[in-house]
Amino acid sequence: MVPQPFRCALAHLEACQRVLDPAYPLEWGHEQEVAKVLCQEAARRALLIRLSLAEESVSLSELLSLPEEQLSSLLSKDAWGRLRLLASAHCTGEDLRRAVEVVEHLLEEPARRLREDRVDHTRRLLLGAGGMLGVLLLLALLRAAWPRNNLAQGKPWRASSAAARCRPAEGRCGEEKTAILFLTKQEASPWFEVDLQQRHLVQKVRVKNRSDGFQERAVPLVLELSEDGKVWRQVARQEEVFSTWEVPVPMLVTRYVRLRVDRVSTLHLESVEVY
């Protein structure tokens, strides 16, 4: 059973990642400051548990000032350095992004155990049901687990570059009135990548091109999948100018989804959905 403090730490980390998602900007802005506070609290709670400490009032800075030999059993010097920058007043956006990766590593084991707890609970429900009731329950669970919802919604994403800050909720990107999610610079093979944060069985990807013009910039568009973000597999290619491209995927397990223009161009899309 995953302890409640770990669950709370996971919730703070998830909230931090959602605040940092440019697809959902906060109404009052200051996303980086809010995300920093959430990430600090996630790191503090994770460290309290991992170090077997119960002092809830201990700050993140105090935890990071513990003897080095006590800390080295958890993370490398580089990782501790990233957390110290997170706790400092000079934390940049890049420092925050790197700190989030460290906190993800700290919480990787409890997150895995929490998923296993859910699987065990489902297994017990199935074993406790008999005959037709068990079959019906199994079918219902399989249907619920099938990726009917957009797996990319709320997940972190990045692009090869940024020519302007896009605010699709406001219908603006830089000074332009447009609903695009992002805008890269003109470059060789510009790309957009979404991290589903865990491996999923993917069966379809739906891409919505820019609807107010310049759709030709997005072709030829290549769909690539990866389990580790390093080794990519091309699964589809769109050679024709399109408004919406719906791509059936041959039931592949993946974590990362990338769309890449296979030439020198500028890439801008309104949405990418994964099912």
Protein backbone atom coordinates (compact mmCIF):
# COMPACT_ATOMS: atom_id res chain seq x y z
CA MET A 1 0.00 0.00 0.00
CA VAL A 2 1.43 3.42 -0.98
CA PRO A 3 1.61 5.77 2.06
CA GLN A 4 -0.67 8.81 1.99
CA PRO A 5 2.27 11.30 2.04
CA PHE A 6 3.56 9.76 -1.18
CA ARG A 7 0.12 10.10 -2.75
CA CYS A 8 0.13 13.76 -1.76
CA ALA A 9 3.61 14.21 -3.25
CA LEU A 10 2.44 12.59 -6.50
CA ALA A 11 -0.57 14.93 -6.56
CA HIS A 12 1.68 18.00 -6.13
CA LEU A 13 3.96 16.80 -8.93
CA GLU A 14 1.01 16.19 -11.25
CA ALA A 15 -0.36 19.66 -10.48
CA CYS A 16 3.07 21.16 -11.22
CA GLN A 17 3.23 19.43 -14.62
CA ARG A 18 -0.26 20.59 -15.52
CA VAL A 19 0.54 24.19 -14.64
CA LEU A 20 3.62 24.01 -16.88
CA ASP A 21 1.57 22.70 -19.83
CA PRO A 22 1.37 25.63 -22.28
CA ALA A 23 -1.88 24.27 -23.68
CA TYR A 24 -3.65 25.26 -20.45
CA PRO A 25 -2.30 28.66 -19.31
CA LEU A 26 -3.46 30.02 -15.94
CA GLU A 27 -5.95 32.86 -16.13
CA TRP A 28 -3.69 35.14 -14.05
CA GLY A 29 -0.37 33.93 -15.43
CA HIS A 30 2.74 33.35 -13.25
CA GLU A 31 2.80 29.68 -14.24
CA GLN A 32 6.50 29.26 -13.43
CA GLU A 33 6.17 30.67 -9.90
CA VAL A 34 3.15 28.46 -9.15
CA ALA A 35 4.80 25.37 -10.63
CA LYS A 36 7.95 26.02 -8.60
CA VAL A 37 6.00 26.04 -5.31
CA LEU A 38 4.19 22.81 -6.26
CA CYS A 39 7.43 21.09 -7.30
CA GLN A 40 9.17 22.19 -4.08
CA GLU A 41 6.38 20.66 -1.99
CA ALA A 42 6.42 17.43 -4.04
CA ALA A 43 10.19 17.17 -3.53
CA ARG A 44 9.93 17.93 0.20
CA ARG A 45 7.28 15.28 0.82
CA ALA A 46 9.10 12.68 -1.27
CA LEU A 47 12.37 13.27 0.59
CA LEU A 48 10.71 13.04 4.02
CA ILE A 49 9.44 9.56 3.20
CA ARG A 50 12.55 8.35 1.35
CA LEU A 51 14.76 9.48 4.25
CA SER A 52 12.34 8.00 6.84
CA LEU A 53 11.82 11.37 8.50
CA ALA A 54 8.56 12.42 10.16
CA GLU A 55 9.23 16.13 10.76
CA GLU A 56 6.48 17.65 8.61
CA SER A 57 7.70 21.16 9.44
CA VAL A 58 11.15 20.59 7.89
CA SER A 59 11.67 22.75 4.79
CA LEU A 60 13.13 21.59 1.50
CA SER A 61 16.24 23.72 2.09
CA GLU A 62 16.79 22.07 5.49
CA LEU A 63 16.47 18.61 3.95
CA LEU A 64 19.01 19.48 1.27
CA SER A 65 21.49 20.66 3.91
CA LEU A 66 21.67 17.20 5.53
CA PRO A 67 25.07 15.42 5.46
CA GLU A 68 26.08 14.41 1.94
CA GLU A 69 26.51 10.74 2.83
CA GLN A 70 22.88 10.64 3.98
CA LEU A 71 21.68 12.09 0.68
CA SER A 72 23.96 10.19 -1.69
CA SER A 73 22.01 6.97 -1.19
CA LEU A 74 19.04 8.46 -3.03
CA LEU A 75 20.36 10.56 -5.89
CA SER A 76 23.54 11.70 -7.60
CA LYS A 77 25.35 14.96 -6.85
CA ASP A 78 23.98 16.42 -10.06
CA ALA A 79 20.41 15.57 -9.02
CA TRP A 80 20.89 17.12 -5.59
CA GLY A 81 22.30 20.20 -7.28
CA ARG A 82 19.13 20.49 -9.35
CA LEU A 83 16.98 20.32 -6.21
CA ARG A 84 19.12 22.97 -4.51
CA LEU A 85 18.51 25.27 -7.48
CA LEU A 86 14.78 24.53 -7.14
CA ALA A 87 14.93 25.68 -3.51
CA SER A 88 16.88 28.84 -4.39
CA ALA A 89 15.58 32.27 -5.35
CA HIS A 90 17.42 32.09 -8.69
CA CYS A 91 15.58 29.09 -10.16
CA THR A 92 15.12 29.55 -13.91
CA GLY A 93 12.61 27.84 -16.16
CA GLU A 94 15.24 25.34 -17.27
CA ASP A 95 16.25 24.70 -13.63
CA LEU A 96 12.59 24.01 -12.82
CA ARG A 97 12.23 21.57 -15.73
CA ARG A 98 15.32 19.64 -14.61
CA ALA A 99 14.10 19.60 -10.99
CA VAL A 100 10.76 18.12 -12.12
CA GLU A 101 12.71 15.24 -13.71
CA VAL A 102 14.51 14.62 -10.39
CA VAL A 103 11.24 14.58 -8.42
CA GLU A 104 9.76 12.19 -11.00
CA HIS A 105 12.72 9.88 -10.32
CA LEU A 106 12.19 10.12 -6.55
CA LEU A 107 8.53 9.21 -6.96
CA GLU A 108 8.99 6.58 -9.66
CA GLU A 109 8.89 3.61 -7.27
CA PRO A 110 5.78 4.67 -5.26
CA ALA A 111 3.99 5.56 -8.51
CA ARG A 112 4.72 2.05 -9.81
CA ARG A 113 3.51 0.49 -6.57
CA LEU A 114 0.34 2.58 -6.69
CA ARG A 115 -0.42 1.32 -10.20
CA GLU A 116 0.24 -2.26 -9.03
CA ASP A 117 -2.14 -1.74 -6.09
CA ARG A 118 -4.85 -0.73 -8.53
CA VAL A 119 -4.19 -3.82 -10.68
CA ASP A 120 -4.29 -6.07 -7.59
CA HIS A 121 -7.56 -4.49 -6.51
CA THR A 122 -9.05 -5.16 -9.94
CA ARG A 123 -7.76 -8.74 -9.86
CA ARG A 124 -9.39 -9.34 -6.45
CA LEU A 125 -12.68 -7.99 -7.79
CA LEU A 126 -12.49 -10.40 -10.70
CA LEU A 127 -11.57 -13.40 -8.53
CA GLY A 128 -14.41 -12.56 -6.16
CA ALA A 129 -16.98 -12.51 -8.93
CA GLY A 130 -18.32 -15.78 -10.24
CA GLY A 131 -19.76 -17.09 -13.48
CA MET A 132 -21.45 -14.62 -15.79
CA LEU A 133 -21.02 -11.78 -13.29
CA GLY A 134 -17.24 -12.18 -13.56
CA VAL A 135 -17.40 -12.18 -17.34
CA LEU A 136 -19.56 -9.05 -17.39
CA LEU A 137 -17.24 -7.31 -14.94
CA LEU A 138 -14.20 -8.22 -17.02
CA LEU A 139 -15.82 -6.86 -20.18
CA ALA A 140 -16.73 -3.64 -18.40
CA LEU A 141 -13.18 -3.19 -17.11
CA LEU A 142 -11.68 -3.85 -20.52
CA ARG A 143 -14.01 -1.33 -22.08
CA ALA A 144 -13.13 1.24 -19.43
CA ALA A 145 -9.42 0.63 -19.96
CA TRP A 146 -9.63 1.01 -23.75
CA PRO A 147 -8.18 4.37 -24.80
CA ARG A 148 -11.42 6.17 -25.63
CA ASN A 149 -10.14 9.39 -24.08
CA ASN A 150 -7.42 11.57 -25.51
CA LEU A 151 -4.23 10.22 -23.90
CA ALA A 152 -2.34 13.40 -24.82
CA GLN A 153 -4.69 15.74 -22.96
CA GLY A 154 -2.91 17.46 -20.09
CA LYS A 155 0.39 15.71 -20.86
CA PRO A 156 3.69 17.61 -21.20
CA TRP A 157 4.84 18.45 -24.70
CA ARG A 158 7.65 20.30 -26.40
CA ALA A 159 8.63 21.53 -29.85
CA SER A 160 11.95 21.78 -31.64
CA SER A 161 11.92 25.58 -31.20
CA ALA A 162 9.59 28.47 -30.39
CA ALA A 163 9.17 31.45 -32.68
CA ALA A 164 6.49 33.00 -30.44
CA ARG A 165 4.46 32.24 -27.32
CA CYS A 166 1.10 30.78 -28.28
CA ARG A 167 -2.04 31.15 -26.16
CA PRO A 168 -4.67 29.03 -27.93
CA ALA A 169 -7.24 29.64 -25.19
CA GLU A 170 -7.05 33.34 -26.08
CA GLY A 171 -6.82 32.69 -29.81
CA ARG A 172 -3.40 34.33 -30.11
CA CYS A 173 0.18 33.38 -30.89
CA GLY A 174 2.61 36.24 -30.50
CA GLU A 175 0.79 39.17 -32.12
CA GLU A 176 -1.27 36.98 -34.47
CA LYS A 177 -4.90 36.03 -34.00
CA THR A 178 -4.80 32.27 -34.42
CA ALA A 179 -5.74 29.10 -32.54
CA ILE A 180 -2.45 27.26 -33.05
CA LEU A 181 -0.95 25.41 -30.10
CA PHE A 182 2.70 26.21 -30.93
CA LEU A 183 4.88 27.83 -33.60
CA THR A 184 8.41 26.71 -34.41
CA LYS A 185 11.08 28.68 -36.18
CA GLN A 186 11.87 27.92 -39.81
CA GLU A 187 14.39 25.10 -39.57
CA ALA A 188 15.32 21.67 -40.84
CA SER A 189 12.79 19.03 -39.73
CA PRO A 190 10.81 21.03 -37.14
CA TRP A 191 8.96 18.73 -34.73
CA PHE A 192 6.34 18.52 -31.99
CA GLU A 193 6.52 15.82 -29.32
CA VAL A 194 4.11 14.78 -26.54
CA ASP A 195 5.10 12.63 -23.57
CA LEU A 196 2.25 10.33 -22.47
CA GLN A 197 4.27 9.84 -19.21
CA GLN A 198 3.83 6.08 -19.28
CA ARG A 199 3.57 3.34 -21.91
CA HIS A 200 0.16 3.05 -23.57
CA LEU A 201 -1.33 0.84 -26.25
CA VAL A 202 -2.03 3.42 -28.96
CA GLN A 203 -4.46 2.77 -31.80
CA LYS A 204 -5.03 6.19 -33.37
CA VAL A 205 -3.54 9.69 -33.64
CA ARG A 206 -5.56 12.70 -34.83
CA VAL A 207 -3.74 15.84 -36.00
CA LYS A 208 -5.51 19.14 -36.66
CA ASN A 209 -3.59 21.47 -38.95
CA ARG A 210 -3.67 25.25 -38.74
CA SER A 211 -7.15 26.27 -39.92
CA ASP A 212 -6.46 29.90 -40.87
CA GLY A 213 -3.91 29.25 -43.61
CA PHE A 214 -0.35 28.07 -44.28
CA GLN A 215 -1.37 24.40 -44.11
CA GLU A 216 1.24 23.46 -46.71
CA ARG A 217 4.00 24.14 -44.18
CA ALA A 218 3.09 20.93 -42.32
CA VAL A 219 3.82 18.55 -45.20
CA PRO A 220 5.34 16.11 -45.68
CA LEU A 221 4.46 15.26 -42.08
CA VAL A 222 5.89 12.14 -40.43
CA LEU A 223 4.33 10.41 -37.40
CA GLU A 224 6.92 8.72 -35.17
CA LEU A 225 6.57 6.74 -31.93
CA SER A 226 9.12 5.92 -29.25
CA GLU A 227 9.17 4.08 -25.93
CA ASP A 228 12.20 5.94 -24.56
CA GLY A 229 12.29 9.26 -26.45
CA LYS A 230 15.56 8.27 -28.14
CA VAL A 231 14.84 5.52 -30.64
CA TRP A 232 11.98 6.48 -32.97
CA ARG A 233 9.85 4.38 -35.30
CA GLN A 234 8.06 5.96 -38.28
CA VAL A 235 4.50 4.65 -38.54
CA ALA A 236 2.87 7.01 -41.06
CA ARG A 237 3.62 9.82 -43.52
CA GLN A 238 1.30 12.49 -44.94
CA GLU A 239 2.35 13.90 -48.32
CA GLU A 240 -0.81 15.90 -49.11
CA VAL A 241 -1.93 19.20 -47.60
CA PHE A 242 -4.57 18.43 -44.96
CA SER A 243 -6.95 20.02 -42.47
CA THR A 244 -7.28 16.97 -40.22
CA TRP A 245 -5.10 13.86 -40.44
CA GLU A 246 -6.45 10.80 -38.64
CA VAL A 247 -3.85 8.04 -38.50
CA PRO A 248 -4.71 4.44 -37.54
CA VAL A 249 -1.81 2.99 -35.56
CA PRO A 250 -1.18 -0.79 -35.69
CA MET A 251 -1.79 -1.30 -31.94
CA LEU A 252 1.67 -0.23 -30.75
CA VAL A 253 2.82 0.31 -27.19
CA THR A 254 4.51 3.69 -26.87
CA ARG A 255 5.18 6.59 -24.51
CA TYR A 256 6.30 9.36 -26.87
CA VAL A 257 4.49 10.62 -29.97
CA ARG A 258 6.28 12.93 -32.39
CA LEU A 259 5.19 14.76 -35.55
CA ARG A 260 8.01 16.00 -37.78
CA VAL A 261 8.09 17.91 -41.07
CA ASP A 262 10.56 16.13 -43.32
CA ARG A 263 12.13 19.26 -44.87
CA VAL A 264 13.06 22.84 -44.00
CA SER A 265 9.84 24.50 -42.85
CA THR A 266 7.86 26.04 -40.00
CA LEU A 267 5.54 23.77 -38.01
CA HIS A 268 2.31 24.90 -36.36
CA LEU A 269 -0.67 22.73 -35.45
CA GLU A 270 -3.89 23.38 -33.55
CA SER A 271 -4.09 20.05 -31.75
CA VAL A 272 -2.66 16.54 -31.49
CA GLU A 273 -4.85 13.82 -29.98
CA VAL A 274 -3.78 10.28 -29.11
CA TYR A 275 -6.18 7.38 -28.53
